Amino acid sequence: MIIDKLFTALSALCLAGGVFFLFVGTLGLLRLPDVYCRLHATTKCDTLGAGLVLLSLALQSSFAAAIKLGLIIVFILITNPVAAHIIARAAYVTGLSRPDSDTGGSS
């Protein structure tokens, strides 16, 4: 039926978007200079990437499984930013500074 093809196409689009954002987050983790920039990149991209991958799975599963996957998405949306804030706060409290903080920033 047409609705099955629509769900399959939407699921494939969500999966491709999720994999893209997870890849960009990993690239940011490897390429960015300090813990604060790395946290920003990985938190934003991994939250969105995991959400899109789980949404893709929810579109292809039964209603009961889709409800469970929706709850997992909500849990990830709540816990990822909180965990990043805790890690950034710990880095700040221990005195970990940005590389450009001694020179007053880049100009």
Protein backbone atom coordinates (compact mmCIF):
# COMPACT_ATOMS: atom_id res chain seq x y z
CA MET A 1 0.00 0.00 0.00
CA ILE A 2 1.01 3.61 -0.36
CA ILE A 3 1.15 4.23 3.40
CA ASP A 4 3.71 1.44 3.85
CA LYS A 5 5.92 2.97 1.17
CA LEU A 6 5.54 6.37 2.81
CA PHE A 7 6.57 5.00 6.21
CA THR A 8 9.51 3.18 4.64
CA ALA A 9 10.69 6.31 2.83
CA LEU A 10 10.28 8.46 5.94
CA SER A 11 12.10 5.85 8.00
CA ALA A 12 14.98 5.76 5.53
CA LEU A 13 15.18 9.56 5.56
CA CYS A 14 15.25 9.64 9.38
CA LEU A 15 17.89 6.91 9.46
CA ALA A 16 20.10 8.74 6.95
CA GLY A 17 19.74 11.99 8.89
CA GLY A 18 20.53 10.25 12.16
CA VAL A 19 23.63 8.59 10.79
CA PHE A 20 24.75 11.95 9.34
CA PHE A 21 24.40 13.74 12.67
CA LEU A 22 26.13 10.93 14.56
CA PHE A 23 29.01 11.12 12.06
CA VAL A 24 29.26 14.91 12.41
CA GLY A 25 29.28 14.59 16.21
CA THR A 26 32.09 12.05 16.05
CA LEU A 27 34.02 14.27 13.68
CA GLY A 28 33.58 17.21 16.08
CA LEU A 29 34.83 15.07 18.96
CA LEU A 30 37.99 14.23 17.04
CA ARG A 31 38.67 17.63 15.47
CA LEU A 32 37.71 20.31 17.99
CA PRO A 33 40.40 21.71 20.31
CA ASP A 34 39.04 21.62 23.86
CA VAL A 35 36.56 19.90 26.12
CA TYR A 36 33.94 22.63 25.88
CA CYS A 37 33.79 22.66 22.09
CA ARG A 38 33.82 18.87 22.00
CA LEU A 39 30.95 18.70 24.48
CA HIS A 40 28.94 21.16 22.42
CA ALA A 41 29.43 19.20 19.21
CA THR A 42 28.80 15.76 20.63
CA THR A 43 25.82 16.71 22.78
CA LYS A 44 23.90 18.47 20.04
CA CYS A 45 24.69 16.01 17.27
CA ASP A 46 24.39 12.82 19.28
CA THR A 47 21.06 13.83 20.79
CA LEU A 48 19.59 14.61 17.39
CA GLY A 49 21.26 11.64 15.70
CA ALA A 50 20.09 9.11 18.28
CA GLY A 51 16.61 10.63 18.23
CA LEU A 52 16.35 10.32 14.46
CA VAL A 53 17.64 6.74 14.43
CA LEU A 54 15.16 5.76 17.14
CA LEU A 55 12.36 7.55 15.28
CA SER A 56 13.29 5.55 12.20
CA LEU A 57 13.03 2.36 14.23
CA ALA A 58 9.69 3.47 15.69
CA LEU A 59 8.26 4.00 12.22
CA GLN A 60 9.11 0.42 11.28
CA SER A 61 7.95 -1.30 14.47
CA SER A 62 4.68 -2.16 16.17
CA PHE A 63 2.71 0.36 18.20
CA ALA A 64 3.87 -1.02 21.55
CA ALA A 65 7.51 -0.93 20.49
CA ALA A 66 7.05 2.59 19.06
CA ILE A 67 5.76 3.79 22.44
CA LYS A 68 8.82 2.32 24.17
CA LEU A 69 11.14 3.90 21.60
CA GLY A 70 9.37 7.23 22.11
CA LEU A 71 10.05 7.00 25.83
CA ILE A 72 13.71 6.28 25.11
CA ILE A 73 13.84 9.37 22.86
CA VAL A 74 12.39 11.52 25.65
CA PHE A 75 14.89 10.05 28.11
CA ILE A 76 17.79 10.87 25.75
CA LEU A 77 16.47 14.40 25.18
CA ILE A 78 16.48 14.97 28.95
CA THR A 79 19.69 13.22 29.98
CA ASN A 80 22.17 14.20 27.24
CA PRO A 81 22.12 17.96 27.93
CA VAL A 82 22.19 17.38 31.69
CA ALA A 83 25.18 15.05 31.42
CA ALA A 84 27.01 17.54 29.19
CA HIS A 85 26.33 20.33 31.69
CA ILE A 86 27.70 18.22 34.54
CA ILE A 87 30.86 17.37 32.57
CA ALA A 88 31.38 21.03 31.58
CA ARG A 89 30.85 22.13 35.18
CA ALA A 90 33.38 19.58 36.41
CA ALA A 91 35.89 20.78 33.81
CA TYR A 92 35.33 24.39 34.89
CA VAL A 93 35.60 23.62 38.61
CA THR A 94 38.85 21.69 38.14
CA GLY A 95 40.33 24.69 36.33
CA LEU A 96 40.40 23.31 32.81
CA SER A 97 40.52 26.41 30.64
CA ARG A 98 40.09 27.01 26.97
CA PRO A 99 43.28 27.25 24.90
CA ASP A 100 42.54 30.83 23.80
CA SER A 101 41.50 32.10 27.28
CA ASP A 102 45.03 33.26 28.20
CA THR A 103 45.35 35.57 25.21
CA GLY A 104 41.91 37.13 25.49
CA GLY A 105 40.44 35.31 22.51
CA SER A 106 41.30 35.30 18.86
CA SER A 107 41.43 38.56 16.98
